[in-house]
Amino acid sequence: MHFEIYPTIASATSSASKRATSQLALPQATCAEVYATSGYTGSAANLAAVSLATDMVFADGATLETPSVTGSVSVGYESALTVGVVV
């Protein structure tokens, strides 16, 4: 999941004012729980073929891009990540 940082909500209407772009790496165990439910056969196969350590984007380390995740398939998930931005 990609995200962008803007200095204000009003300035988020133009990519010219963005301060940073990054992405989240969801924990493999959480993805596996979701993909074990019906409707995710293709996603489960893709997940089995790659890990964060072997993914071309996250292979250099995903520690700073991996949020904490709470919840479950039955009640839903919530994630949190503090992102430092130098302006």
PDB file of N, CA and C in Angstrom:
ATOM      1  N   MET A   1       0.849  -1.152   0.000  1.00  0.00           N
ATOM      2  CA  MET A   1       0.000   0.000   0.000  1.00  0.00           C
ATOM      3  C   MET A   1       0.910   1.235   0.000  1.00  0.00           C
ATOM      4  N   HIS A   2       0.749   2.088  -0.973  1.00  0.00           N
ATOM      5  CA  HIS A   2       1.540   3.308  -1.066  1.00  0.00           C
ATOM      6  C   HIS A   2       0.831   4.456  -0.364  1.00  0.00           C
ATOM      7  N   PHE A   3       1.616   5.407   0.144  1.00  0.00           N
ATOM      8  CA  PHE A   3       1.045   6.621   0.705  1.00  0.00           C
ATOM      9  C   PHE A   3       1.971   7.797   0.433  1.00  0.00           C
ATOM     10  N   GLU A   4       1.371   8.973   0.443  1.00  0.00           N
ATOM     11  CA  GLU A   4       2.120  10.212   0.201  1.00  0.00           C
ATOM     12  C   GLU A   4       1.886  11.159   1.364  1.00  0.00           C
ATOM     13  N   ILE A   5       2.887  11.987   1.658  1.00  0.00           N
ATOM     14  CA  ILE A   5       2.820  12.973   2.738  1.00  0.00           C
ATOM     15  C   ILE A   5       2.768  14.371   2.119  1.00  0.00           C
ATOM     16  N   TYR A   6       1.778  15.152   2.548  1.00  0.00           N
ATOM     17  CA  TYR A   6       1.617  16.533   2.093  1.00  0.00           C
ATOM     18  C   TYR A   6       1.661  17.464   3.300  1.00  0.00           C
ATOM     19  N   PRO A   7       2.088  18.715   3.099  1.00  0.00           N
ATOM     20  CA  PRO A   7       2.181  19.639   4.229  1.00  0.00           C
ATOM     21  C   PRO A   7       0.818  20.034   4.806  1.00  0.00           C
ATOM     22  N   THR A   8      -0.222  20.048   3.970  1.00  0.00           N
ATOM     23  CA  THR A   8      -1.569  20.391   4.429  1.00  0.00           C
ATOM     24  C   THR A   8      -2.583  19.582   3.630  1.00  0.00           C
ATOM     25  N   ILE A   9      -3.788  19.481   4.130  1.00  0.00           N
ATOM     26  CA  ILE A   9      -4.846  18.791   3.390  1.00  0.00           C
ATOM     27  C   ILE A   9      -5.128  19.522   2.081  1.00  0.00           C
ATOM     28  N   ALA A  10      -5.154  20.838   2.135  1.00  0.00           N
ATOM     29  CA  ALA A  10      -5.450  21.626   0.934  1.00  0.00           C
ATOM     30  C   ALA A  10      -4.416  21.392  -0.169  1.00  0.00           C
ATOM     31  N   SER A  11      -3.166  21.188   0.210  1.00  0.00           N
ATOM     32  CA  SER A  11      -2.123  21.009  -0.801  1.00  0.00           C
ATOM     33  C   SER A  11      -2.084  19.585  -1.358  1.00  0.00           C
ATOM     34  N   ALA A  12      -2.887  18.686  -0.829  1.00  0.00           N
ATOM     35  CA  ALA A  12      -2.891  17.291  -1.285  1.00  0.00           C
ATOM     36  C   ALA A  12      -3.599  17.112  -2.615  1.00  0.00           C
ATOM     37  N   THR A  13      -4.033  18.185  -3.221  1.00  0.00           N
ATOM     38  CA  THR A  13      -4.687  18.093  -4.525  1.00  0.00           C
ATOM     39  C   THR A  13      -3.693  18.157  -5.681  1.00  0.00           C
ATOM     40  N   SER A  14      -2.415  18.389  -5.367  1.00  0.00           N
ATOM     41  CA  SER A  14      -1.394  18.468  -6.408  1.00  0.00           C
ATOM     42  C   SER A  14      -0.161  17.694  -5.967  1.00  0.00           C
ATOM     43  N   SER A  15       0.290  16.785  -6.793  1.00  0.00           N
ATOM     44  CA  SER A  15       1.468  15.993  -6.438  1.00  0.00           C
ATOM     45  C   SER A  15       2.729  16.854  -6.345  1.00  0.00           C
ATOM     46  N   ALA A  16       2.681  18.060  -6.882  1.00  0.00           N
ATOM     47  CA  ALA A  16       3.846  18.943  -6.840  1.00  0.00           C
ATOM     48  C   ALA A  16       4.211  19.331  -5.412  1.00  0.00           C
ATOM     49  N   SER A  17       3.258  19.290  -4.494  1.00  0.00           N
ATOM     50  CA  SER A  17       3.547  19.704  -3.124  1.00  0.00           C
ATOM     51  C   SER A  17       3.816  18.542  -2.174  1.00  0.00           C
ATOM     52  N   LYS A  18       3.848  17.317  -2.671  1.00  0.00           N
ATOM     53  CA  LYS A  18       4.083  16.189  -1.767  1.00  0.00           C
ATOM     54  C   LYS A  18       5.501  16.236  -1.214  1.00  0.00           C
ATOM     55  N   ARG A  19       5.623  15.826   0.044  1.00  0.00           N
ATOM     56  CA  ARG A  19       6.917  15.850   0.726  1.00  0.00           C
ATOM     57  C   ARG A  19       7.611  14.497   0.707  1.00  0.00           C
ATOM     58  N   ALA A  20       6.820  13.430   0.672  1.00  0.00           N
ATOM     59  CA  ALA A  20       7.414  12.092   0.693  1.00  0.00           C
ATOM     60  C   ALA A  20       6.419  11.080   0.146  1.00  0.00           C
ATOM     61  N   THR A  21       6.943   9.994  -0.375  1.00  0.00           N
ATOM     62  CA  THR A  21       6.140   8.858  -0.820  1.00  0.00           C
ATOM     63  C   THR A  21       6.784   7.609  -0.235  1.00  0.00           C
ATOM     64  N   SER A  22       5.961   6.723   0.286  1.00  0.00           N
ATOM     65  CA  SER A  22       6.484   5.470   0.810  1.00  0.00           C
ATOM     66  C   SER A  22       5.412   4.399   0.668  1.00  0.00           C
ATOM     67  N   GLN A  23       5.618   3.288   1.328  1.00  0.00           N
ATOM     68  CA  GLN A  23       4.662   2.193   1.245  1.00  0.00           C
ATOM     69  C   GLN A  23       4.694   1.376   2.523  1.00  0.00           C
ATOM     70  N   LEU A  24       3.659   0.607   2.723  1.00  0.00           N
ATOM     71  CA  LEU A  24       3.562  -0.275   3.881  1.00  0.00           C
ATOM     72  C   LEU A  24       3.809  -1.707   3.450  1.00  0.00           C
ATOM     73  N   ALA A  25       4.492  -2.445   4.290  1.00  0.00           N
ATOM     74  CA  ALA A  25       4.712  -3.877   4.089  1.00  0.00           C
ATOM     75  C   ALA A  25       3.918  -4.589   5.178  1.00  0.00           C
ATOM     76  N   LEU A  26       2.813  -5.177   4.814  1.00  0.00           N
ATOM     77  CA  LEU A  26       1.993  -5.844   5.816  1.00  0.00           C
ATOM     78  C   LEU A  26       2.669  -7.137   6.261  1.00  0.00           C
ATOM     79  N   PRO A  27       2.545  -7.471   7.545  1.00  0.00           N
ATOM     80  CA  PRO A  27       3.192  -8.680   8.053  1.00  0.00           C
ATOM     81  C   PRO A  27       2.723  -9.933   7.305  1.00  0.00           C
ATOM     82  N   GLN A  28       3.651 -10.803   7.019  1.00  0.00           N
ATOM     83  CA  GLN A  28       3.358 -12.020   6.259  1.00  0.00           C
ATOM     84  C   GLN A  28       2.290 -12.868   6.954  1.00  0.00           C
ATOM     85  N   ALA A  29       2.357 -12.968   8.277  1.00  0.00           N
ATOM     86  CA  ALA A  29       1.390 -13.793   9.010  1.00  0.00           C
ATOM     87  C   ALA A  29      -0.027 -13.248   8.853  1.00  0.00           C
ATOM     88  N   THR A  30      -0.178 -11.940   8.876  1.00  0.00           N
ATOM     89  CA  THR A  30      -1.491 -11.325   8.703  1.00  0.00           C
ATOM     90  C   THR A  30      -2.015 -11.596   7.300  1.00  0.00           C
ATOM     91  N   CYS A  31      -1.163 -11.429   6.311  1.00  0.00           N
ATOM     92  CA  CYS A  31      -1.572 -11.706   4.927  1.00  0.00           C
ATOM     93  C   CYS A  31      -1.992 -13.164   4.781  1.00  0.00           C
ATOM     94  N   ALA A  32      -1.248 -14.064   5.392  1.00  0.00           N
ATOM     95  CA  ALA A  32      -1.565 -15.489   5.300  1.00  0.00           C
ATOM     96  C   ALA A  32      -2.927 -15.790   5.915  1.00  0.00           C
ATOM     97  N   GLU A  33      -3.254 -15.126   7.036  1.00  0.00           N
ATOM     98  CA  GLU A  33      -4.563 -15.319   7.669  1.00  0.00           C
ATOM     99  C   GLU A  33      -5.688 -14.880   6.738  1.00  0.00           C
ATOM    100  N   VAL A  34      -5.526 -13.734   6.122  1.00  0.00           N
ATOM    101  CA  VAL A  34      -6.552 -13.218   5.211  1.00  0.00           C
ATOM    102  C   VAL A  34      -6.661 -14.115   3.983  1.00  0.00           C
ATOM    103  N   TYR A  35      -5.528 -14.460   3.403  1.00  0.00           N
ATOM    104  CA  TYR A  35      -5.536 -15.244   2.178  1.00  0.00           C
ATOM    105  C   TYR A  35      -6.003 -16.686   2.383  1.00  0.00           C
ATOM    106  N   ALA A  36      -6.088 -17.129   3.632  1.00  0.00           N
ATOM    107  CA  ALA A  36      -6.606 -18.470   3.917  1.00  0.00           C
ATOM    108  C   ALA A  36      -8.131 -18.515   3.832  1.00  0.00           C
ATOM    109  N   THR A  37      -8.767 -17.348   3.726  1.00  0.00           N
ATOM    110  CA  THR A  37     -10.220 -17.297   3.596  1.00  0.00           C
ATOM    111  C   THR A  37     -10.603 -17.435   2.123  1.00  0.00           C
ATOM    112  N   SER A  38     -11.867 -17.698   1.875  1.00  0.00           N
ATOM    113  CA  SER A  38     -12.301 -17.922   0.497  1.00  0.00           C
ATOM    114  C   SER A  38     -12.142 -16.666  -0.344  1.00  0.00           C
ATOM    115  N   GLY A  39     -11.835 -16.868  -1.605  1.00  0.00           N
ATOM    116  CA  GLY A  39     -11.723 -15.767  -2.546  1.00  0.00           C
ATOM    117  C   GLY A  39     -10.305 -15.279  -2.781  1.00  0.00           C
ATOM    118  N   TYR A  40      -9.333 -15.841  -2.100  1.00  0.00           N
ATOM    119  CA  TYR A  40      -7.958 -15.355  -2.221  1.00  0.00           C
ATOM    120  C   TYR A  40      -6.990 -16.410  -2.744  1.00  0.00           C
ATOM    121  N   THR A  41      -7.461 -17.358  -3.512  1.00  0.00           N
ATOM    122  CA  THR A  41      -6.611 -18.452  -3.980  1.00  0.00           C
ATOM    123  C   THR A  41      -5.370 -17.935  -4.704  1.00  0.00           C
ATOM    124  N   GLY A  42      -5.543 -17.034  -5.638  1.00  0.00           N
ATOM    125  CA  GLY A  42      -4.403 -16.488  -6.378  1.00  0.00           C
ATOM    126  C   GLY A  42      -3.455 -15.713  -5.488  1.00  0.00           C
ATOM    127  N   SER A  43      -4.008 -14.950  -4.564  1.00  0.00           N
ATOM    128  CA  SER A  43      -3.172 -14.174  -3.657  1.00  0.00           C
ATOM    129  C   SER A  43      -2.382 -15.090  -2.732  1.00  0.00           C
ATOM    130  N   ALA A  44      -2.999 -16.164  -2.261  1.00  0.00           N
ATOM    131  CA  ALA A  44      -2.309 -17.116  -1.397  1.00  0.00           C
ATOM    132  C   ALA A  44      -1.129 -17.746  -2.127  1.00  0.00           C
ATOM    133  N   ALA A  45      -1.319 -18.074  -3.390  1.00  0.00           N
ATOM    134  CA  ALA A  45      -0.232 -18.650  -4.189  1.00  0.00           C
ATOM    135  C   ALA A  45       0.896 -17.642  -4.378  1.00  0.00           C
ATOM    136  N   ASN A  46       0.552 -16.393  -4.639  1.00  0.00           N
ATOM    137  CA  ASN A  46       1.576 -15.352  -4.803  1.00  0.00           C
ATOM    138  C   ASN A  46       2.349 -15.139  -3.511  1.00  0.00           C
ATOM    139  N   LEU A  47       1.643 -15.116  -2.380  1.00  0.00           N
ATOM    140  CA  LEU A  47       2.296 -14.916  -1.083  1.00  0.00           C
ATOM    141  C   LEU A  47       3.258 -16.060  -0.779  1.00  0.00           C
ATOM    142  N   ALA A  48       2.882 -17.271  -1.128  1.00  0.00           N
ATOM    143  CA  ALA A  48       3.740 -18.428  -0.879  1.00  0.00           C
ATOM    144  C   ALA A  48       5.030 -18.366  -1.695  1.00  0.00           C
ATOM    145  N   ALA A  49       5.016 -17.618  -2.780  1.00  0.00           N
ATOM    146  CA  ALA A  49       6.176 -17.563  -3.673  1.00  0.00           C
ATOM    147  C   ALA A  49       7.178 -16.468  -3.309  1.00  0.00           C
ATOM    148  N   VAL A  50       6.813 -15.574  -2.397  1.00  0.00           N
ATOM    149  CA  VAL A  50       7.698 -14.453  -2.071  1.00  0.00           C
ATOM    150  C   VAL A  50       7.583 -14.119  -0.587  1.00  0.00           C
ATOM    151  N   SER A  51       8.642 -13.527  -0.052  1.00  0.00           N
ATOM    152  CA  SER A  51       8.613 -13.038   1.325  1.00  0.00           C
ATOM    153  C   SER A  51       9.139 -11.609   1.308  1.00  0.00           C
ATOM    154  N   LEU A  52       9.041 -10.912   2.421  1.00  0.00           N
ATOM    155  CA  LEU A  52       9.584  -9.552   2.463  1.00  0.00           C
ATOM    156  C   LEU A  52      11.096  -9.576   2.225  1.00  0.00           C
ATOM    157  N   ALA A  53      11.747 -10.641   2.656  1.00  0.00           N
ATOM    158  CA  ALA A  53      13.199 -10.743   2.469  1.00  0.00           C
ATOM    159  C   ALA A  53      13.588 -10.955   1.012  1.00  0.00           C
ATOM    160  N   THR A  54      12.685 -11.533   0.224  1.00  0.00           N
ATOM    161  CA  THR A  54      13.015 -11.796  -1.183  1.00  0.00           C
ATOM    162  C   THR A  54      12.298 -10.862  -2.150  1.00  0.00           C
ATOM    163  N   ASP A  55      11.383 -10.042  -1.652  1.00  0.00           N
ATOM    164  CA  ASP A  55      10.661  -9.095  -2.496  1.00  0.00           C
ATOM    165  C   ASP A  55      11.620  -8.026  -2.991  1.00  0.00           C
ATOM    166  N   MET A  56      11.559  -7.666  -4.275  1.00  0.00           N
ATOM    167  CA  MET A  56      12.516  -6.706  -4.829  1.00  0.00           C
ATOM    168  C   MET A  56      12.372  -5.309  -4.219  1.00  0.00           C
ATOM    169  N   VAL A  57      11.212  -4.965  -3.709  1.00  0.00           N
ATOM    170  CA  VAL A  57      11.028  -3.650  -3.099  1.00  0.00           C
ATOM    171  C   VAL A  57      11.499  -3.629  -1.651  1.00  0.00           C
ATOM    172  N   PHE A  58      11.190  -4.669  -0.897  1.00  0.00           N
ATOM    173  CA  PHE A  58      11.466  -4.679   0.536  1.00  0.00           C
ATOM    174  C   PHE A  58      12.698  -5.485   0.935  1.00  0.00           C
ATOM    175  N   ALA A  59      13.418  -6.054  -0.007  1.00  0.00           N
ATOM    176  CA  ALA A  59      14.554  -6.911   0.317  1.00  0.00           C
ATOM    177  C   ALA A  59      15.642  -6.190   1.105  1.00  0.00           C
ATOM    178  N   ASP A  60      15.716  -4.862   0.996  1.00  0.00           N
ATOM    179  CA  ASP A  60      16.720  -4.111   1.744  1.00  0.00           C
ATOM    180  C   ASP A  60      16.283  -3.825   3.176  1.00  0.00           C
ATOM    181  N   GLY A  61      15.129  -4.303   3.552  1.00  0.00           N
ATOM    182  CA  GLY A  61      14.651  -4.140   4.925  1.00  0.00           C
ATOM    183  C   GLY A  61      13.329  -3.421   4.973  1.00  0.00           C
ATOM    184  N   ALA A  62      12.360  -4.046   5.585  1.00  0.00           N
ATOM    185  CA  ALA A  62      11.023  -3.463   5.663  1.00  0.00           C
ATOM    186  C   ALA A  62      10.664  -3.043   7.073  1.00  0.00           C
ATOM    187  N   THR A  63      11.617  -3.061   7.980  1.00  0.00           N
ATOM    188  CA  THR A  63      11.340  -2.765   9.380  1.00  0.00           C
ATOM    189  C   THR A  63      10.635  -1.428   9.564  1.00  0.00           C
ATOM    190  N   LEU A  64      11.088  -0.396   8.894  1.00  0.00           N
ATOM    191  CA  LEU A  64      10.503   0.936   9.057  1.00  0.00           C
ATOM    192  C   LEU A  64       9.200   1.113   8.291  1.00  0.00           C
ATOM    193  N   GLU A  65       8.834   0.127   7.486  1.00  0.00           N
ATOM    194  CA  GLU A  65       7.624   0.218   6.671  1.00  0.00           C
ATOM    195  C   GLU A  65       6.570  -0.819   7.061  1.00  0.00           C
ATOM    196  N   THR A  66       6.810  -1.545   8.161  1.00  0.00           N
ATOM    197  CA  THR A  66       5.872  -2.577   8.589  1.00  0.00           C
ATOM    198  C   THR A  66       5.104  -2.106   9.820  1.00  0.00           C
ATOM    199  N   PRO A  67       3.803  -1.905   9.678  1.00  0.00           N
ATOM    200  CA  PRO A  67       3.014  -1.435  10.825  1.00  0.00           C
ATOM    201  C   PRO A  67       2.731  -2.561  11.812  1.00  0.00           C
ATOM    202  N   SER A  68       2.368  -2.159  13.036  1.00  0.00           N
ATOM    203  CA  SER A  68       1.840  -3.157  13.963  1.00  0.00           C
ATOM    204  C   SER A  68       0.404  -3.422  13.535  1.00  0.00           C
ATOM    205  N   VAL A  69      -0.037  -4.652  13.658  1.00  0.00           N
ATOM    206  CA  VAL A  69      -1.376  -5.038  13.217  1.00  0.00           C
ATOM    207  C   VAL A  69      -2.065  -5.773  14.348  1.00  0.00           C
ATOM    208  N   THR A  70      -3.300  -5.370  14.620  1.00  0.00           N
ATOM    209  CA  THR A  70      -4.130  -6.066  15.592  1.00  0.00           C
ATOM    210  C   THR A  70      -5.435  -6.448  14.919  1.00  0.00           C
ATOM    211  N   GLY A  71      -6.123  -7.419  15.495  1.00  0.00           N
ATOM    212  CA  GLY A  71      -7.411  -7.832  14.962  1.00  0.00           C
ATOM    213  C   GLY A  71      -7.374  -9.239  14.427  1.00  0.00           C
ATOM    214  N   SER A  72      -8.376  -9.556  13.633  1.00  0.00           N
ATOM    215  CA  SER A  72      -8.500 -10.896  13.064  1.00  0.00           C
ATOM    216  C   SER A  72      -9.362 -10.834  11.817  1.00  0.00           C
ATOM    217  N   VAL A  73      -9.423 -11.937  11.112  1.00  0.00           N
ATOM    218  CA  VAL A  73     -10.254 -12.027   9.921  1.00  0.00           C
ATOM    219  C   VAL A  73     -11.711 -11.762  10.283  1.00  0.00           C
ATOM    220  N   SER A  74     -12.154 -12.284  11.414  1.00  0.00           N
ATOM    221  CA  SER A  74     -13.574 -12.181  11.768  1.00  0.00           C
ATOM    222  C   SER A  74     -14.006 -10.785  12.207  1.00  0.00           C
ATOM    223  N   VAL A  75     -13.116 -10.011  12.830  1.00  0.00           N
ATOM    224  CA  VAL A  75     -13.506  -8.673  13.307  1.00  0.00           C
ATOM    225  C   VAL A  75     -12.869  -7.539  12.515  1.00  0.00           C
ATOM    226  N   GLY A  76     -11.926  -7.887  11.665  1.00  0.00           N
ATOM    227  CA  GLY A  76     -11.222  -6.872  10.889  1.00  0.00           C
ATOM    228  C   GLY A  76      -9.869  -6.555  11.515  1.00  0.00           C
ATOM    229  N   TYR A  77      -9.059  -5.834  10.780  1.00  0.00           N
ATOM    230  CA  TYR A  77      -7.705  -5.504  11.214  1.00  0.00           C
ATOM    231  C   TYR A  77      -7.541  -3.998  11.355  1.00  0.00           C
ATOM    232  N   GLU A  78      -6.640  -3.628  12.248  1.00  0.00           N
ATOM    233  CA  GLU A  78      -6.251  -2.234  12.401  1.00  0.00           C
ATOM    234  C   GLU A  78      -4.728  -2.214  12.431  1.00  0.00           C
ATOM    235  N   SER A  79      -4.157  -1.278  11.718  1.00  0.00           N
ATOM    236  CA  SER A  79      -2.702  -1.191  11.707  1.00  0.00           C
ATOM    237  C   SER A  79      -2.279   0.218  12.096  1.00  0.00           C
ATOM    238  N   ALA A  80      -1.067   0.321  12.634  1.00  0.00           N
ATOM    239  CA  ALA A  80      -0.535   1.620  13.052  1.00  0.00           C
ATOM    240  C   ALA A  80       0.961   1.656  12.749  1.00  0.00           C
ATOM    241  N   LEU A  81       1.402   2.790  12.255  1.00  0.00           N
ATOM    242  CA  LEU A  81       2.814   2.981  11.958  1.00  0.00           C
ATOM    243  C   LEU A  81       3.134   4.466  12.120  1.00  0.00           C
ATOM    244  N   THR A  82       4.134   4.750  12.906  1.00  0.00           N
ATOM    245  CA  THR A  82       4.617   6.121  13.034  1.00  0.00           C
ATOM    246  C   THR A  82       5.686   6.343  11.976  1.00  0.00           C
ATOM    247  N   VAL A  83       5.482   7.365  11.148  1.00  0.00           N
ATOM    248  CA  VAL A  83       6.387   7.639  10.043  1.00  0.00           C
ATOM    249  C   VAL A  83       7.051   8.995  10.280  1.00  0.00           C
ATOM    250  N   GLY A  84       8.352   8.994  10.349  1.00  0.00           N
ATOM    251  CA  GLY A  84       9.083  10.249  10.488  1.00  0.00           C
ATOM    252  C   GLY A  84       9.296  10.887   9.135  1.00  0.00           C
ATOM    253  N   VAL A  85       9.055  12.182   9.046  1.00  0.00           N
ATOM    254  CA  VAL A  85       9.254  12.910   7.794  1.00  0.00           C
ATOM    255  C   VAL A  85      10.123  14.120   8.080  1.00  0.00           C
ATOM    256  N   VAL A  86      11.213  14.226   7.373  1.00  0.00           N
ATOM    257  CA  VAL A  86      12.105  15.377   7.508  1.00  0.00           C
ATOM    258  C   VAL A  86      11.723  16.378   6.433  1.00  0.00           C
ATOM    259  N   VAL A  87      11.423  17.593   6.843  1.00  0.00           N
ATOM    260  CA  VAL A  87      11.027  18.617   5.862  1.00  0.00           C
ATOM    261  C   VAL A  87      12.042  19.724   5.794  1.00  0.00           C
TER     262      VAL A  87
END
